[in-house]
Protein backbone atom coordinates (compact mmCIF):
# COMPACT_ATOMS: atom_id res chain seq x y z
CA UNK A 1 -49.29 -36.72 65.81
CA UNK A 2 -51.40 -35.72 63.68
CA UNK A 3 -48.56 -33.88 62.08
CA UNK A 4 -45.18 -33.80 63.37
CA UNK A 5 -43.49 -30.32 62.64
CA UNK A 6 -41.24 -29.71 66.03
CA UNK A 7 -39.98 -30.72 69.29
CA UNK A 8 -41.79 -28.34 71.75
CA UNK A 9 -44.24 -31.01 72.73
CA UNK A 10 -42.38 -34.09 72.89
CA UNK A 11 -41.27 -35.11 76.39
CA UNK A 12 -38.94 -37.40 77.11
CA UNK A 13 -41.17 -40.72 77.57
CA UNK A 14 -41.60 -40.28 73.54
CA UNK A 15 -38.52 -39.27 73.00
CA UNK A 16 -37.62 -41.95 74.08
CA UNK A 17 -40.37 -44.48 72.81
CA UNK A 18 -38.96 -42.81 68.89
CA UNK A 19 -35.56 -43.64 70.13
CA UNK A 20 -36.60 -47.78 70.87
CA UNK A 21 -38.54 -47.59 67.56
CA UNK A 22 -35.79 -46.34 65.33
CA UNK A 23 -33.07 -49.02 67.31
CA UNK A 24 -36.10 -51.28 65.96
CA UNK A 25 -35.99 -50.51 62.28
CA UNK A 26 -32.22 -50.16 62.40
CA UNK A 27 -32.29 -54.03 63.48
CA UNK A 28 -34.31 -55.04 60.59
CA UNK A 29 -37.78 -54.81 62.02
CA UNK A 30 -40.73 -53.93 59.75
CA UNK A 31 -44.18 -51.84 59.84
CA UNK A 32 -46.63 -53.64 61.51
CA UNK A 33 -49.37 -52.41 58.80
CA UNK A 34 -48.79 -52.73 54.68
CA UNK A 35 -48.73 -49.12 54.18
CA UNK A 36 -48.44 -49.54 50.28
CA UNK A 37 -51.77 -47.40 49.62
CA UNK A 38 -49.94 -44.25 52.62
CA UNK A 39 -48.48 -41.35 49.48
CA UNK A 40 -46.59 -39.38 50.52
CA UNK A 41 -44.71 -36.45 48.79
CA UNK A 42 -41.28 -34.68 49.77
CA UNK A 43 -41.72 -30.68 49.18
CA UNK A 44 -38.10 -28.91 49.36
CA UNK A 45 -38.01 -25.03 48.72
CA UNK A 46 -34.58 -25.44 49.73
CA UNK A 47 -31.34 -27.00 48.96
CA UNK A 48 -30.68 -30.26 50.56
CA UNK A 49 -28.94 -33.35 50.49
CA UNK A 50 -29.07 -35.53 53.80
CA UNK A 51 -32.38 -34.64 55.12
CA UNK A 52 -34.01 -35.43 51.44
CA UNK A 53 -32.98 -38.66 50.90
CA UNK A 54 -33.01 -39.70 54.14
CA UNK A 55 -36.55 -39.34 54.37
CA UNK A 56 -36.99 -40.73 50.63
CA UNK A 57 -34.74 -43.84 52.20
CA UNK A 58 -37.11 -43.91 54.45
CA UNK A 59 -40.41 -43.69 53.59
CA UNK A 60 -39.09 -46.40 51.03
CA UNK A 61 -38.36 -48.46 53.68
CA UNK A 62 -41.43 -48.03 55.15
CA UNK A 63 -43.22 -49.02 51.76
CA UNK A 64 -44.66 -45.50 51.33
CA UNK A 65 -45.80 -44.42 47.62
CA UNK A 66 -43.38 -41.65 47.47
CA UNK A 67 -44.27 -39.02 44.53
CA UNK A 68 -41.56 -36.43 43.43
CA UNK A 69 -42.19 -32.76 43.13
CA UNK A 70 -39.54 -30.38 42.21
CA UNK A 71 -40.47 -26.60 43.12
CA UNK A 72 -37.89 -25.69 40.23
CA UNK A 73 -41.26 -27.36 37.74
CA UNK A 74 -44.16 -26.16 39.80
CA UNK A 75 -47.19 -24.17 39.76
CA UNK A 76 -45.09 -22.32 42.86
CA UNK A 77 -42.72 -20.41 39.57
CA UNK A 78 -45.96 -18.70 38.46
CA UNK A 79 -47.21 -17.66 42.05
CA UNK A 80 -49.07 -20.53 43.74
CA UNK A 81 -48.87 -20.45 47.69
CA UNK A 82 -47.39 -22.80 49.71
CA UNK A 83 -51.66 -23.69 50.87
CA UNK A 84 -52.43 -24.11 47.59
CA UNK A 85 -49.78 -26.45 46.47
CA UNK A 86 -50.60 -28.31 49.42
CA UNK A 87 -54.63 -28.33 48.95
CA UNK A 88 -53.91 -29.74 45.56
CA UNK A 89 -51.68 -32.50 46.84
CA UNK A 90 -54.31 -33.36 49.39
CA UNK A 91 -57.46 -32.90 46.10
CA UNK A 92 -54.63 -35.96 43.87
CA UNK A 93 -54.73 -37.86 47.55
CA UNK A 94 -51.25 -37.34 49.30
CA UNK A 95 -52.03 -38.19 52.99
CA UNK A 96 -48.49 -36.34 54.01
CA UNK A 97 -45.54 -34.26 52.73
CA UNK A 98 -42.40 -34.07 54.10
CA UNK A 99 -41.58 -29.83 54.42
CA UNK A 100 -38.68 -27.85 53.76
CA UNK A 101 -38.92 -23.60 53.75
CA UNK A 102 -37.15 -21.17 54.25
CA UNK A 103 -39.96 -19.49 56.29
CA UNK A 104 -40.00 -19.77 59.95
CA UNK A 105 -43.09 -21.76 61.21
CA UNK A 106 -44.47 -21.74 57.78
CA UNK A 107 -46.62 -25.01 58.97
CA UNK A 108 -48.44 -23.03 62.13
CA UNK A 109 -50.78 -21.62 59.44
CA UNK A 110 -51.07 -24.20 57.81
CA UNK A 111 -52.53 -26.33 60.77
CA UNK A 112 -54.17 -24.04 62.27
CA UNK A 113 -56.95 -23.39 59.42
CA UNK A 114 -59.98 -21.16 59.68
CA UNK A 115 -63.45 -23.04 59.51
CA UNK A 116 -64.14 -22.75 55.92
CA UNK A 117 -60.40 -25.02 54.75
CA UNK A 118 -60.61 -28.24 53.90
CA UNK A 119 -57.21 -29.27 53.99
CA UNK A 120 -56.84 -32.25 56.04
CA UNK A 121 -52.87 -33.82 54.44
CA UNK A 122 -50.49 -34.48 57.69
CA UNK A 123 -47.26 -32.69 57.89
CA UNK A 124 -43.28 -33.77 58.62
CA UNK A 125 -41.77 -30.49 59.17
CA UNK A 126 -37.82 -31.04 57.13
CA UNK A 127 -36.51 -27.60 58.96
CA UNK A 128 -38.72 -24.38 58.89
CA UNK A 129 -35.82 -21.10 58.45
CA UNK A 130 -33.51 -20.87 61.37
CA UNK A 131 -36.43 -22.03 63.16
CA UNK A 132 -36.80 -25.94 63.73
CA UNK A 133 -35.50 -29.26 62.61
CA UNK A 134 -37.00 -31.65 64.31
CA UNK A 135 -35.56 -35.12 62.27
CA UNK A 136 -32.25 -33.31 62.85
CA UNK A 137 -32.93 -33.32 66.68
CA UNK A 138 -34.19 -36.30 66.83
CA UNK A 139 -31.42 -38.36 65.28
CA UNK A 140 -29.08 -36.61 67.01
CA UNK A 141 -30.78 -37.73 69.87
CA UNK A 142 -30.30 -41.49 68.61
CA UNK A 143 -26.65 -41.05 68.62
CA UNK A 144 -26.15 -39.70 71.91
CA UNK A 145 -28.02 -42.46 73.63
CA UNK A 146 -26.75 -45.50 71.40
CA UNK A 147 -23.47 -44.36 72.64
CA UNK A 148 -24.19 -43.26 76.35
CA UNK A 149 -27.76 -45.22 76.72
CA UNK A 150 -28.74 -41.51 78.92
CA UNK A 151 -29.33 -38.35 78.33
CA UNK A 152 -28.95 -36.76 82.58
CA UNK A 153 -25.68 -35.35 83.42
CA UNK A 154 -23.95 -35.31 80.05
CA UNK A 155 -22.38 -32.36 79.29
CA UNK A 156 -23.04 -31.15 75.24
CA UNK A 157 -21.17 -28.42 73.81
CA UNK A 158 -23.13 -26.86 70.82
CA UNK A 159 -20.25 -24.89 68.77
CA UNK A 160 -20.64 -21.94 65.99
CA UNK A 161 -23.03 -20.51 64.15
CA UNK A 162 -25.72 -20.90 66.92
CA UNK A 163 -27.99 -17.87 66.06
CA UNK A 164 -28.76 -19.33 62.47
CA UNK A 165 -29.21 -22.93 63.15
CA UNK A 166 -32.83 -24.64 63.75
CA UNK A 167 -30.64 -28.15 64.94
CA UNK A 168 -29.28 -26.04 68.04
CA UNK A 169 -32.20 -24.01 68.59
CA UNK A 170 -34.23 -27.56 68.11
CA UNK A 171 -31.42 -29.67 70.46
CA UNK A 172 -30.71 -27.31 73.63
CA UNK A 173 -34.36 -27.51 73.89
CA UNK A 174 -35.09 -30.87 73.69
CA UNK A 175 -31.28 -31.43 75.70
CA UNK A 176 -32.48 -29.75 78.72
CA UNK A 177 -35.94 -31.32 78.52
CA UNK A 178 -34.41 -34.34 79.04
CA UNK A 179 -31.33 -33.64 81.74
CA UNK A 180 -28.29 -33.31 79.91
CA UNK A 181 -26.19 -29.64 80.77
CA UNK A 182 -26.00 -27.88 77.61
CA UNK A 183 -22.94 -25.10 76.92
CA UNK A 184 -22.97 -22.72 74.00
CA UNK A 185 -19.21 -21.56 72.45
CA UNK A 186 -18.40 -19.89 68.75
CA UNK A 187 -18.14 -16.06 67.45
CA UNK A 188 -20.14 -14.36 70.11
CA UNK A 189 -21.39 -12.27 67.47
CA UNK A 190 -23.57 -15.92 66.54
CA UNK A 191 -25.18 -16.24 70.15
CA UNK A 192 -28.21 -14.47 71.44
CA UNK A 193 -28.53 -14.21 75.18
CA UNK A 194 -31.49 -15.59 75.12
CA UNK A 195 -29.97 -18.87 74.85
CA UNK A 196 -29.31 -18.55 78.57
CA UNK A 197 -32.49 -19.66 79.24
CA UNK A 198 -31.02 -23.55 78.56
CA UNK A 199 -26.97 -22.88 79.11
CA UNK A 200 -23.72 -21.58 79.42
CA UNK A 201 -21.35 -19.83 76.60
CA UNK A 202 -17.89 -20.31 77.33
CA UNK A 203 -14.59 -20.76 75.24
CA UNK A 204 -13.57 -23.79 72.97
CA UNK A 205 -10.61 -24.73 74.90
CA UNK A 206 -12.81 -24.59 78.01
CA UNK A 207 -14.61 -27.06 77.25
CA UNK A 208 -13.26 -29.46 74.88
CA UNK A 209 -11.73 -31.20 77.63
CA UNK A 210 -14.86 -31.80 79.69
CA UNK A 211 -17.91 -32.07 77.43
CA UNK A 212 -19.10 -35.34 76.53
CA UNK A 213 -20.66 -34.44 73.08
CA UNK A 214 -19.02 -32.48 70.94
CA UNK A 215 -21.80 -30.33 68.71
CA UNK A 216 -20.31 -28.38 66.14
CA UNK A 217 -22.33 -26.58 63.56
CA UNK A 218 -21.81 -25.54 59.99
CA UNK A 219 -21.32 -21.73 58.99
CA UNK A 220 -24.22 -20.65 57.12
CA UNK A 221 -23.08 -17.65 54.55
CA UNK A 222 -25.97 -18.23 52.69
CA UNK A 223 -28.27 -16.80 55.97
CA UNK A 224 -25.33 -13.35 56.55
CA UNK A 225 -25.47 -11.84 53.76
CA UNK A 226 -24.89 -8.22 53.96
CA UNK A 227 -23.00 -8.89 57.33
CA UNK A 228 -19.91 -7.91 58.18
CA UNK A 229 -18.73 -10.22 60.09
CA UNK A 230 -19.39 -12.23 56.89
CA UNK A 231 -17.50 -10.14 54.83
CA UNK A 232 -14.24 -9.99 57.18
CA UNK A 233 -14.95 -13.81 57.57
CA UNK A 234 -11.42 -16.09 57.63
CA UNK A 235 -11.71 -19.77 57.17
CA UNK A 236 -8.42 -19.92 58.72
CA UNK A 237 -9.49 -17.62 61.67
CA UNK A 238 -12.33 -19.42 62.15
CA UNK A 239 -10.95 -22.94 62.63
CA UNK A 240 -8.35 -21.39 64.82
CA UNK A 241 -10.67 -20.03 67.48
CA UNK A 242 -13.44 -22.30 67.14
CA UNK A 243 -13.06 -25.07 65.03
CA UNK A 244 -12.47 -28.95 65.78
CA UNK A 245 -8.23 -28.69 65.14
CA UNK A 246 -6.34 -32.26 66.01
CA UNK A 247 -5.28 -30.29 69.09
CA UNK A 248 -8.44 -30.05 70.23
CA UNK A 249 -9.74 -33.60 69.13
CA UNK A 250 -6.67 -35.33 71.76
CA UNK A 251 -7.91 -33.18 74.17
CA UNK A 252 -11.41 -34.95 74.20
CA UNK A 253 -12.17 -37.84 77.00
CA UNK A 254 -11.43 -41.56 76.11
CA UNK A 255 -15.82 -42.23 75.29
CA UNK A 256 -16.24 -38.59 74.79
CA UNK A 257 -17.81 -38.03 71.09
CA UNK A 258 -18.44 -35.59 67.59
CA UNK A 259 -21.06 -35.00 65.81
CA UNK A 260 -22.11 -32.40 63.09
CA UNK A 261 -25.32 -31.93 61.29
CA UNK A 262 -23.72 -31.70 57.99
CA UNK A 263 -23.26 -30.39 55.33
CA UNK A 264 -19.99 -29.76 56.27
CA UNK A 265 -17.06 -26.84 55.71
CA UNK A 266 -13.88 -29.06 56.15
CA UNK A 267 -10.72 -26.76 57.75
CA UNK A 268 -13.35 -24.70 59.20
CA UNK A 269 -15.53 -26.56 61.74
CA UNK A 270 -13.71 -29.83 61.51
CA UNK A 271 -10.81 -30.67 60.56
CA UNK A 272 -10.13 -32.32 56.98
CA UNK A 273 -8.41 -35.96 58.33
CA UNK A 274 -10.85 -35.98 61.39
CA UNK A 275 -14.25 -36.04 59.64
CA UNK A 276 -14.45 -39.90 59.89
CA UNK A 277 -11.98 -40.22 62.74
CA UNK A 278 -13.62 -42.73 65.47
CA UNK A 279 -14.68 -39.66 68.01
CA UNK A 280 -16.96 -38.79 64.93
CA UNK A 281 -20.39 -39.54 64.46
CA UNK A 282 -21.07 -38.05 61.52
CA UNK A 283 -21.95 -40.64 58.93
CA UNK A 284 -23.78 -42.04 62.64
CA UNK A 285 -25.59 -39.27 62.21
CA UNK A 286 -26.95 -39.94 58.58
CA UNK A 287 -27.55 -43.41 59.18
CA UNK A 288 -29.35 -42.65 61.93
CA UNK A 289 -31.71 -40.57 60.23
CA UNK A 290 -33.34 -42.95 57.81
CA UNK A 291 -34.32 -45.28 60.99
CA UNK A 292 -34.86 -42.33 62.93
CA UNK A 293 -37.47 -40.67 60.41
CA UNK A 294 -39.07 -44.21 59.59
CA UNK A 295 -39.93 -43.88 63.37
CA UNK A 296 -41.21 -39.88 63.20
CA UNK A 297 -43.01 -40.81 59.58
CA UNK A 298 -44.82 -43.90 61.04
CA UNK A 299 -46.18 -42.17 64.56
CA UNK A 300 -47.96 -40.15 62.41
CA UNK A 301 -49.20 -42.27 60.19
CA UNK A 302 -50.57 -44.59 62.99
CA UNK A 303 -52.12 -41.24 64.71
CA UNK A 304 -53.65 -40.68 61.30
CA UNK A 305 -55.70 -44.31 60.94
CA UNK A 306 -53.51 -44.77 57.59
CA UNK A 307 -52.14 -48.41 55.98
CA UNK A 308 -53.94 -51.45 55.75
CA UNK A 309 -54.43 -55.34 57.15
CA UNK A 310 -50.97 -56.47 59.40
CA UNK A 311 -48.01 -57.36 57.28
CA UNK A 312 -48.13 -61.01 58.38
CA UNK A 313 -44.07 -60.89 56.87
CA UNK A 314 -43.03 -58.30 60.05
CA UNK A 315 -40.04 -59.65 62.24
């Protein structure tokens, strides 16, 4: 994989290989090659805590050289294009760029280059608009696999602000490929009929006792500007209709798990007292993110034949 920008090209074998590699890193495994001369920059044009920090931790655990980049103090503020910013990084010797951007599929015009362009830097997508979020999707797959050891036949409900969620779109696509049965719930005004190719809409109360995985989504108020539904939004009403209340939690199957990509709006999608409850995997997802991102970065590094001699200190 010269770039890692979406889950579109992943099949079951590739997903399971990434999961096994992430588990290897989670158990203390080391990369086979010396990666100290591989240079990486994290370019986040949207706010992020988990993804940004998780990628940096993954890069440092792999032994990469990590360059700092702050868009607020860059030439982006002078009108520099994303391409020209990456061209600069490429010219300086940066091998990989992890990018989060508000534009859907920002990466496509960077990868589909005209013959006269020379950009050769590897791109790892940290999230594009409301499009894809491959690293969150894959860490979710790792978390589910740790609980059940399979995907085929599992019932997974994706609940909430689905239309605006890049997490939901990546997960519904990949879960279908892996043989899970997907359901949707949440406000109908945040549901699109195009999702029906991946799953079935039901009310949350119909689903809660049936599913193996309850995947809650953050209400993305920042993407609802000018929306009448946003103007009438009530945290309390949303929580009672579409959130995980204590009563719904008690109705979950004994081995069911609850997931959330974060950040959580407490007492909206998720009752605050349940965020760290036994069936919640919120913290485990964040922990798994480091190891899955190590696996993703390593896959691109290996495909690009980056890195030095074999590391003799591997486990």
